[in-house]
């Protein structure tokens, strides 16, 4: 991996608790962070909180409902283009 290549982490449960703490820490270390969750309103709030501490953080959200295979496939189809070249 080159020094200039962005590392990306997808965090499930990144809206609160331990997942949020991990997302916040990775964003502060320069990772691109994708919050994968059912509740996009909570993801939007979590992203705002992360950016309030680190305005240059690369954080976004992708909808994901782990109880639905269709949702998992859709999440993967949105995630893969973000991390492959």
PDB file of N, CA and C in Angstrom:
ATOM      1  N   UNK A   1       0.844  -1.174   0.000  1.00  0.00           N
ATOM      2  CA  UNK A   1       0.000   0.000   0.000  1.00  0.00           C
ATOM      3  C   UNK A   1       0.886   1.232   0.000  1.00  0.00           C
ATOM      4  N   UNK A   2       0.611   2.155  -0.902  1.00  0.00           N
ATOM      5  CA  UNK A   2       1.412   3.367  -0.962  1.00  0.00           C
ATOM      6  C   UNK A   2       1.015   4.316   0.163  1.00  0.00           C
ATOM      7  N   UNK A   3       1.883   5.248   0.478  1.00  0.00           N
ATOM      8  CA  UNK A   3       1.631   6.211   1.536  1.00  0.00           C
ATOM      9  C   UNK A   3       0.422   7.064   1.214  1.00  0.00           C
ATOM     10  N   UNK A   4       0.186   7.338  -0.062  1.00  0.00           N
ATOM     11  CA  UNK A   4      -0.913   8.208  -0.466  1.00  0.00           C
ATOM     12  C   UNK A   4      -2.244   7.490  -0.624  1.00  0.00           C
ATOM     13  N   UNK A   5      -2.276   6.185  -0.471  1.00  0.00           N
ATOM     14  CA  UNK A   5      -3.510   5.441  -0.649  1.00  0.00           C
ATOM     15  C   UNK A   5      -4.365   5.535   0.613  1.00  0.00           C
ATOM     16  N   UNK A   6      -5.625   5.947   0.449  1.00  0.00           N
ATOM     17  CA  UNK A   6      -6.545   6.091   1.568  1.00  0.00           C
ATOM     18  C   UNK A   6      -6.999   4.723   2.062  1.00  0.00           C
ATOM     19  N   UNK A   7      -6.980   4.534   3.339  1.00  0.00           N
ATOM     20  CA  UNK A   7      -7.527   3.317   3.946  1.00  0.00           C
ATOM     21  C   UNK A   7      -8.980   3.602   4.321  1.00  0.00           C
ATOM     22  N   UNK A   8      -9.841   2.651   4.041  1.00  0.00           N
ATOM     23  CA  UNK A   8     -11.268   2.826   4.273  1.00  0.00           C
ATOM     24  C   UNK A   8     -11.762   1.748   5.220  1.00  0.00           C
ATOM     25  N   UNK A   9     -12.593   2.154   6.186  1.00  0.00           N
ATOM     26  CA  UNK A   9     -13.196   1.219   7.124  1.00  0.00           C
ATOM     27  C   UNK A   9     -14.707   1.373   7.082  1.00  0.00           C
ATOM     28  N   UNK A  10     -15.405   0.248   6.970  1.00  0.00           N
ATOM     29  CA  UNK A  10     -16.862   0.269   7.097  1.00  0.00           C
ATOM     30  C   UNK A  10     -17.193  -0.184   8.509  1.00  0.00           C
ATOM     31  N   UNK A  11     -17.982   0.632   9.203  1.00  0.00           N
ATOM     32  CA  UNK A  11     -18.334   0.348  10.585  1.00  0.00           C
ATOM     33  C   UNK A  11     -19.846   0.125  10.667  1.00  0.00           C
ATOM     34  N   UNK A  12     -20.244  -1.053  11.121  1.00  0.00           N
ATOM     35  CA  UNK A  12     -21.655  -1.269  11.423  1.00  0.00           C
ATOM     36  C   UNK A  12     -21.858  -0.872  12.879  1.00  0.00           C
ATOM     37  N   UNK A  13     -22.977  -0.257  13.169  1.00  0.00           N
ATOM     38  CA  UNK A  13     -23.209   0.211  14.534  1.00  0.00           C
ATOM     39  C   UNK A  13     -22.381   1.438  14.867  1.00  0.00           C
ATOM     40  N   UNK A  14     -22.003   2.202  13.857  1.00  0.00           N
ATOM     41  CA  UNK A  14     -21.161   3.380  14.072  1.00  0.00           C
ATOM     42  C   UNK A  14     -21.909   4.616  14.514  1.00  0.00           C
ATOM     43  N   UNK A  15     -23.216   4.485  14.727  1.00  0.00           N
ATOM     44  CA  UNK A  15     -24.014   5.637  15.138  1.00  0.00           C
ATOM     45  C   UNK A  15     -23.891   5.944  16.630  1.00  0.00           C
ATOM     46  N   UNK A  16     -23.500   4.934  17.408  1.00  0.00           N
ATOM     47  CA  UNK A  16     -23.455   5.135  18.859  1.00  0.00           C
ATOM     48  C   UNK A  16     -22.519   4.115  19.500  1.00  0.00           C
ATOM     49  N   UNK A  17     -22.268   4.311  20.748  1.00  0.00           N
ATOM     50  CA  UNK A  17     -21.502   3.354  21.548  1.00  0.00           C
ATOM     51  C   UNK A  17     -20.103   3.088  21.031  1.00  0.00           C
ATOM     52  N   UNK A  18     -19.702   1.822  21.129  1.00  0.00           N
ATOM     53  CA  UNK A  18     -18.349   1.423  20.740  1.00  0.00           C
ATOM     54  C   UNK A  18     -18.118   1.674  19.248  1.00  0.00           C
ATOM     55  N   UNK A  19     -19.119   1.392  18.425  1.00  0.00           N
ATOM     56  CA  UNK A  19     -18.977   1.627  16.982  1.00  0.00           C
ATOM     57  C   UNK A  19     -18.692   3.083  16.672  1.00  0.00           C
ATOM     58  N   UNK A  20     -19.383   3.993  17.369  1.00  0.00           N
ATOM     59  CA  UNK A  20     -19.138   5.418  17.171  1.00  0.00           C
ATOM     60  C   UNK A  20     -17.730   5.793  17.616  1.00  0.00           C
ATOM     61  N   UNK A  21     -17.304   5.268  18.749  1.00  0.00           N
ATOM     62  CA  UNK A  21     -15.953   5.564  19.249  1.00  0.00           C
ATOM     63  C   UNK A  21     -14.898   5.086  18.255  1.00  0.00           C
ATOM     64  N   UNK A  22     -15.088   3.896  17.689  1.00  0.00           N
ATOM     65  CA  UNK A  22     -14.152   3.366  16.695  1.00  0.00           C
ATOM     66  C   UNK A  22     -14.157   4.235  15.441  1.00  0.00           C
ATOM     67  N   UNK A  23     -15.350   4.592  14.956  1.00  0.00           N
ATOM     68  CA  UNK A  23     -15.455   5.434  13.761  1.00  0.00           C
ATOM     69  C   UNK A  23     -14.768   6.773  13.981  1.00  0.00           C
ATOM     70  N   UNK A  24     -14.998   7.365  15.143  1.00  0.00           N
ATOM     71  CA  UNK A  24     -14.398   8.659  15.468  1.00  0.00           C
ATOM     72  C   UNK A  24     -12.875   8.565  15.505  1.00  0.00           C
ATOM     73  N   UNK A  25     -12.358   7.525  16.124  1.00  0.00           N
ATOM     74  CA  UNK A  25     -10.905   7.346  16.244  1.00  0.00           C
ATOM     75  C   UNK A  25     -10.271   7.095  14.873  1.00  0.00           C
ATOM     76  N   UNK A  26     -10.891   6.246  14.059  1.00  0.00           N
ATOM     77  CA  UNK A  26     -10.344   5.973  12.720  1.00  0.00           C
ATOM     78  C   UNK A  26     -10.375   7.223  11.847  1.00  0.00           C
ATOM     79  N   UNK A  27     -11.455   7.991  11.923  1.00  0.00           N
ATOM     80  CA  UNK A  27     -11.536   9.234  11.148  1.00  0.00           C
ATOM     81  C   UNK A  27     -10.427  10.200  11.571  1.00  0.00           C
ATOM     82  N   UNK A  28     -10.161  10.267  12.872  1.00  0.00           N
ATOM     83  CA  UNK A  28      -9.101  11.147  13.382  1.00  0.00           C
ATOM     84  C   UNK A  28      -7.725  10.695  12.904  1.00  0.00           C
ATOM     85  N   UNK A  29      -7.575   9.394  12.640  1.00  0.00           N
ATOM     86  CA  UNK A  29      -6.295   8.866  12.155  1.00  0.00           C
ATOM     87  C   UNK A  29      -6.177   8.935  10.635  1.00  0.00           C
ATOM     88  N   UNK A  30      -7.182   9.528   9.968  1.00  0.00           N
ATOM     89  CA  UNK A  30      -7.096   9.735   8.532  1.00  0.00           C
ATOM     90  C   UNK A  30      -7.745   8.671   7.670  1.00  0.00           C
ATOM     91  N   UNK A  31      -8.428   7.732   8.276  1.00  0.00           N
ATOM     92  CA  UNK A  31      -9.155   6.724   7.497  1.00  0.00           C
ATOM     93  C   UNK A  31     -10.400   7.351   6.872  1.00  0.00           C
ATOM     94  N   UNK A  32     -10.794   6.844   5.733  1.00  0.00           N
ATOM     95  CA  UNK A  32     -12.120   7.108   5.221  1.00  0.00           C
ATOM     96  C   UNK A  32     -13.045   6.177   5.972  1.00  0.00           C
ATOM     97  N   UNK A  33     -14.128   6.706   6.516  1.00  0.00           N
ATOM     98  CA  UNK A  33     -15.031   5.897   7.334  1.00  0.00           C
ATOM     99  C   UNK A  33     -16.422   5.891   6.704  1.00  0.00           C
ATOM    100  N   UNK A  34     -16.975   4.703   6.579  1.00  0.00           N
ATOM    101  CA  UNK A  34     -18.335   4.554   6.085  1.00  0.00           C
ATOM    102  C   UNK A  34     -19.163   3.935   7.199  1.00  0.00           C
ATOM    103  N   UNK A  35     -20.193   4.657   7.624  1.00  0.00           N
ATOM    104  CA  UNK A  35     -21.107   4.142   8.631  1.00  0.00           C
ATOM    105  C   UNK A  35     -22.206   3.379   7.905  1.00  0.00           C
ATOM    106  N   UNK A  36     -22.325   2.110   8.177  1.00  0.00           N
ATOM    107  CA  UNK A  36     -23.351   1.273   7.561  1.00  0.00           C
ATOM    108  C   UNK A  36     -24.419   0.993   8.609  1.00  0.00           C
ATOM    109  N   UNK A  37     -25.637   1.503   8.361  1.00  0.00           N
ATOM    110  CA  UNK A  37     -26.689   1.329   9.360  1.00  0.00           C
ATOM    111  C   UNK A  37     -28.076   1.455   8.750  1.00  0.00           C
ATOM    112  N   UNK A  38     -29.060   0.971   9.504  1.00  0.00           N
ATOM    113  CA  UNK A  38     -30.462   1.116   9.083  1.00  0.00           C
ATOM    114  C   UNK A  38     -30.927   2.544   9.254  1.00  0.00           C
ATOM    115  N   UNK A  39     -30.502   3.186  10.327  1.00  0.00           N
ATOM    116  CA  UNK A  39     -31.023   4.507  10.695  1.00  0.00           C
ATOM    117  C   UNK A  39     -30.134   5.607  10.109  1.00  0.00           C
ATOM    118  N   UNK A  40     -30.533   6.121   8.968  1.00  0.00           N
ATOM    119  CA  UNK A  40     -29.726   7.145   8.303  1.00  0.00           C
ATOM    120  C   UNK A  40     -29.755   8.482   9.037  1.00  0.00           C
ATOM    121  N   UNK A  41     -30.837   8.761   9.784  1.00  0.00           N
ATOM    122  CA  UNK A  41     -30.867   9.987  10.584  1.00  0.00           C
ATOM    123  C   UNK A  41     -29.810   9.930  11.685  1.00  0.00           C
ATOM    124  N   UNK A  42     -29.687   8.788  12.324  1.00  0.00           N
ATOM    125  CA  UNK A  42     -28.661   8.621  13.362  1.00  0.00           C
ATOM    126  C   UNK A  42     -27.268   8.700  12.745  1.00  0.00           C
ATOM    127  N   UNK A  43     -27.100   8.146  11.545  1.00  0.00           N
ATOM    128  CA  UNK A  43     -25.804   8.235  10.858  1.00  0.00           C
ATOM    129  C   UNK A  43     -25.460   9.687  10.548  1.00  0.00           C
ATOM    130  N   UNK A  44     -26.441  10.439  10.098  1.00  0.00           N
ATOM    131  CA  UNK A  44     -26.212  11.857   9.788  1.00  0.00           C
ATOM    132  C   UNK A  44     -25.757  12.614  11.037  1.00  0.00           C
ATOM    133  N   UNK A  45     -26.385  12.341  12.169  1.00  0.00           N
ATOM    134  CA  UNK A  45     -25.989  12.980  13.428  1.00  0.00           C
ATOM    135  C   UNK A  45     -24.577  12.550  13.846  1.00  0.00           C
ATOM    136  N   UNK A  46     -24.274  11.269  13.698  1.00  0.00           N
ATOM    137  CA  UNK A  46     -22.938  10.772  14.058  1.00  0.00           C
ATOM    138  C   UNK A  46     -21.872  11.412  13.171  1.00  0.00           C
ATOM    139  N   UNK A  47     -22.162  11.530  11.879  1.00  0.00           N
ATOM    140  CA  UNK A  47     -21.216  12.160  10.956  1.00  0.00           C
ATOM    141  C   UNK A  47     -20.975  13.610  11.366  1.00  0.00           C
ATOM    142  N   UNK A  48     -22.039  14.327  11.729  1.00  0.00           N
ATOM    143  CA  UNK A  48     -21.899  15.726  12.165  1.00  0.00           C
ATOM    144  C   UNK A  48     -21.040  15.810  13.430  1.00  0.00           C
ATOM    145  N   UNK A  49     -21.223  14.870  14.358  1.00  0.00           N
ATOM    146  CA  UNK A  49     -20.422  14.870  15.587  1.00  0.00           C
ATOM    147  C   UNK A  49     -18.955  14.603  15.284  1.00  0.00           C
ATOM    148  N   UNK A  50     -18.686  13.675  14.381  1.00  0.00           N
ATOM    149  CA  UNK A  50     -17.299  13.379  14.022  1.00  0.00           C
ATOM    150  C   UNK A  50     -16.656  14.581  13.347  1.00  0.00           C
ATOM    151  N   UNK A  51     -17.385  15.205  12.426  1.00  0.00           N
ATOM    152  CA  UNK A  51     -16.840  16.373  11.713  1.00  0.00           C
ATOM    153  C   UNK A  51     -16.714  17.600  12.600  1.00  0.00           C
ATOM    154  N   UNK A  52     -17.496  17.677  13.666  1.00  0.00           N
ATOM    155  CA  UNK A  52     -17.367  18.799  14.604  1.00  0.00           C
ATOM    156  C   UNK A  52     -16.010  18.760  15.292  1.00  0.00           C
ATOM    157  N   UNK A  53     -15.517  17.560  15.560  1.00  0.00           N
ATOM    158  CA  UNK A  53     -14.207  17.387  16.196  1.00  0.00           C
ATOM    159  C   UNK A  53     -13.090  17.417  15.158  1.00  0.00           C
ATOM    160  N   UNK A  54     -13.359  16.859  13.983  1.00  0.00           N
ATOM    161  CA  UNK A  54     -12.360  16.739  12.921  1.00  0.00           C
ATOM    162  C   UNK A  54     -13.001  17.150  11.590  1.00  0.00           C
ATOM    163  N   UNK A  55     -12.999  18.461  11.277  1.00  0.00           N
ATOM    164  CA  UNK A  55     -13.694  18.952  10.078  1.00  0.00           C
ATOM    165  C   UNK A  55     -13.213  18.336   8.762  1.00  0.00           C
ATOM    166  N   UNK A  56     -12.006  17.843   8.716  1.00  0.00           N
ATOM    167  CA  UNK A  56     -11.495  17.269   7.472  1.00  0.00           C
ATOM    168  C   UNK A  56     -11.769  15.764   7.367  1.00  0.00           C
ATOM    169  N   UNK A  57     -12.514  15.217   8.327  1.00  0.00           N
ATOM    170  CA  UNK A  57     -12.800  13.776   8.330  1.00  0.00           C
ATOM    171  C   UNK A  57     -13.558  13.366   7.067  1.00  0.00           C
ATOM    172  N   UNK A  58     -13.168  12.236   6.516  1.00  0.00           N
ATOM    173  CA  UNK A  58     -13.846  11.663   5.357  1.00  0.00           C
ATOM    174  C   UNK A  58     -14.809  10.603   5.875  1.00  0.00           C
ATOM    175  N   UNK A  59     -16.039  11.013   6.103  1.00  0.00           N
ATOM    176  CA  UNK A  59     -17.044  10.136   6.689  1.00  0.00           C
ATOM    177  C   UNK A  59     -18.310  10.215   5.858  1.00  0.00           C
ATOM    178  N   UNK A  60     -18.896   9.055   5.588  1.00  0.00           N
ATOM    179  CA  UNK A  60     -20.166   9.014   4.867  1.00  0.00           C
ATOM    180  C   UNK A  60     -20.980   7.841   5.390  1.00  0.00           C
ATOM    181  N   UNK A  61     -22.185   7.711   4.877  1.00  0.00           N
ATOM    182  CA  UNK A  61     -23.078   6.659   5.337  1.00  0.00           C
ATOM    183  C   UNK A  61     -23.647   5.894   4.153  1.00  0.00           C
ATOM    184  N   UNK A  62     -23.840   4.597   4.364  1.00  0.00           N
ATOM    185  CA  UNK A  62     -24.515   3.740   3.397  1.00  0.00           C
ATOM    186  C   UNK A  62     -25.606   2.990   4.155  1.00  0.00           C
ATOM    187  N   UNK A  63     -26.828   2.996   3.645  1.00  0.00           N
ATOM    188  CA  UNK A  63     -27.890   2.235   4.320  1.00  0.00           C
ATOM    189  C   UNK A  63     -27.572   0.736   4.350  1.00  0.00           C
ATOM    190  N   UNK A  64     -27.856   0.103   5.492  1.00  0.00           N
ATOM    191  CA  UNK A  64     -27.635  -1.330   5.634  1.00  0.00           C
ATOM    192  C   UNK A  64     -28.557  -1.891   6.703  1.00  0.00           C
ATOM    193  N   UNK A  65     -29.347  -2.883   6.310  1.00  0.00           N
ATOM    194  CA  UNK A  65     -30.178  -3.636   7.242  1.00  0.00           C
ATOM    195  C   UNK A  65     -29.697  -5.075   7.182  1.00  0.00           C
ATOM    196  N   UNK A  66     -28.994  -5.506   8.207  1.00  0.00           N
ATOM    197  CA  UNK A  66     -28.379  -6.832   8.194  1.00  0.00           C
ATOM    198  C   UNK A  66     -29.400  -7.976   8.223  1.00  0.00           C
ATOM    199  N   UNK A  67     -30.657  -7.671   8.448  1.00  0.00           N
ATOM    200  CA  UNK A  67     -31.681  -8.718   8.414  1.00  0.00           C
ATOM    201  C   UNK A  67     -32.221  -8.945   6.999  1.00  0.00           C
ATOM    202  N   UNK A  68     -31.717  -8.173   6.038  1.00  0.00           N
ATOM    203  CA  UNK A  68     -32.200  -8.270   4.661  1.00  0.00           C
ATOM    204  C   UNK A  68     -31.034  -8.534   3.703  1.00  0.00           C
ATOM    205  N   UNK A  69     -31.074  -9.698   3.031  1.00  0.00           N
ATOM    206  CA  UNK A  69     -30.022 -10.005   2.061  1.00  0.00           C
ATOM    207  C   UNK A  69     -30.003  -8.980   0.931  1.00  0.00           C
ATOM    208  N   UNK A  70     -31.161  -8.489   0.528  1.00  0.00           N
ATOM    209  CA  UNK A  70     -31.226  -7.475  -0.526  1.00  0.00           C
ATOM    210  C   UNK A  70     -30.502  -6.199  -0.086  1.00  0.00           C
ATOM    211  N   UNK A  71     -30.676  -5.814   1.168  1.00  0.00           N
ATOM    212  CA  UNK A  71     -30.000  -4.634   1.696  1.00  0.00           C
ATOM    213  C   UNK A  71     -28.490  -4.842   1.760  1.00  0.00           C
ATOM    214  N   UNK A  72     -28.071  -6.042   2.156  1.00  0.00           N
ATOM    215  CA  UNK A  72     -26.640  -6.344   2.218  1.00  0.00           C
ATOM    216  C   UNK A  72     -26.027  -6.263   0.821  1.00  0.00           C
ATOM    217  N   UNK A  73     -26.719  -6.840  -0.171  1.00  0.00           N
ATOM    218  CA  UNK A  73     -26.216  -6.776  -1.550  1.00  0.00           C
ATOM    219  C   UNK A  73     -26.142  -5.327  -2.046  1.00  0.00           C
ATOM    220  N   UNK A  74     -27.173  -4.545  -1.744  1.00  0.00           N
ATOM    221  CA  UNK A  74     -27.192  -3.145  -2.177  1.00  0.00           C
ATOM    222  C   UNK A  74     -26.070  -2.357  -1.502  1.00  0.00           C
ATOM    223  N   UNK A  75     -25.843  -2.603  -0.227  1.00  0.00           N
ATOM    224  CA  UNK A  75     -24.752  -1.938   0.491  1.00  0.00           C
ATOM    225  C   UNK A  75     -23.413  -2.299  -0.142  1.00  0.00           C
ATOM    226  N   UNK A  76     -23.215  -3.576  -0.413  1.00  0.00           N
ATOM    227  CA  UNK A  76     -21.961  -4.015  -1.038  1.00  0.00           C
ATOM    228  C   UNK A  76     -21.774  -3.379  -2.402  1.00  0.00           C
ATOM    229  N   UNK A  77     -22.838  -3.265  -3.186  1.00  0.00           N
ATOM    230  CA  UNK A  77     -22.722  -2.677  -4.516  1.00  0.00           C
ATOM    231  C   UNK A  77     -22.389  -1.185  -4.434  1.00  0.00           C
ATOM    232  N   UNK A  78     -22.742  -0.523  -3.343  1.00  0.00           N
ATOM    233  CA  UNK A  78     -22.382   0.892  -3.154  1.00  0.00           C
ATOM    234  C   UNK A  78     -20.985   1.040  -2.550  1.00  0.00           C
ATOM    235  N   UNK A  79     -20.582   0.062  -1.732  1.00  0.00           N
ATOM    236  CA  UNK A  79     -19.290   0.114  -1.057  1.00  0.00           C
ATOM    237  C   UNK A  79     -18.122  -0.200  -1.984  1.00  0.00           C
ATOM    238  N   UNK A  80     -18.243  -1.257  -2.770  1.00  0.00           N
ATOM    239  CA  UNK A  80     -17.132  -1.743  -3.606  1.00  0.00           C
ATOM    240  C   UNK A  80     -16.561  -0.665  -4.523  1.00  0.00           C
ATOM    241  N   UNK A  81     -17.386   0.118  -5.225  1.00  0.00           N
ATOM    242  CA  UNK A  81     -16.803   1.160  -6.082  1.00  0.00           C
ATOM    243  C   UNK A  81     -16.015   2.231  -5.316  1.00  0.00           C
ATOM    244  N   UNK A  82     -16.316   2.415  -4.045  1.00  0.00           N
ATOM    245  CA  UNK A  82     -15.614   3.421  -3.255  1.00  0.00           C
ATOM    246  C   UNK A  82     -14.208   2.977  -2.861  1.00  0.00           C
ATOM    247  N   UNK A  83     -13.976   1.667  -2.861  1.00  0.00           N
ATOM    248  CA  UNK A  83     -12.687   1.179  -2.379  1.00  0.00           C
ATOM    249  C   UNK A  83     -11.848   0.479  -3.434  1.00  0.00           C
ATOM    250  N   UNK A  84     -12.377   0.326  -4.631  1.00  0.00           N
ATOM    251  CA  UNK A  84     -11.595  -0.294  -5.708  1.00  0.00           C
ATOM    252  C   UNK A  84     -11.297   0.754  -6.765  1.00  0.00           C
ATOM    253  N   UNK A  85     -10.216   0.513  -7.481  1.00  0.00           N
ATOM    254  CA  UNK A  85      -9.817   1.492  -8.509  1.00  0.00           C
ATOM    255  C   UNK A  85      -9.797   0.833  -9.858  1.00  0.00           C
TER     256      UNK A  85
END
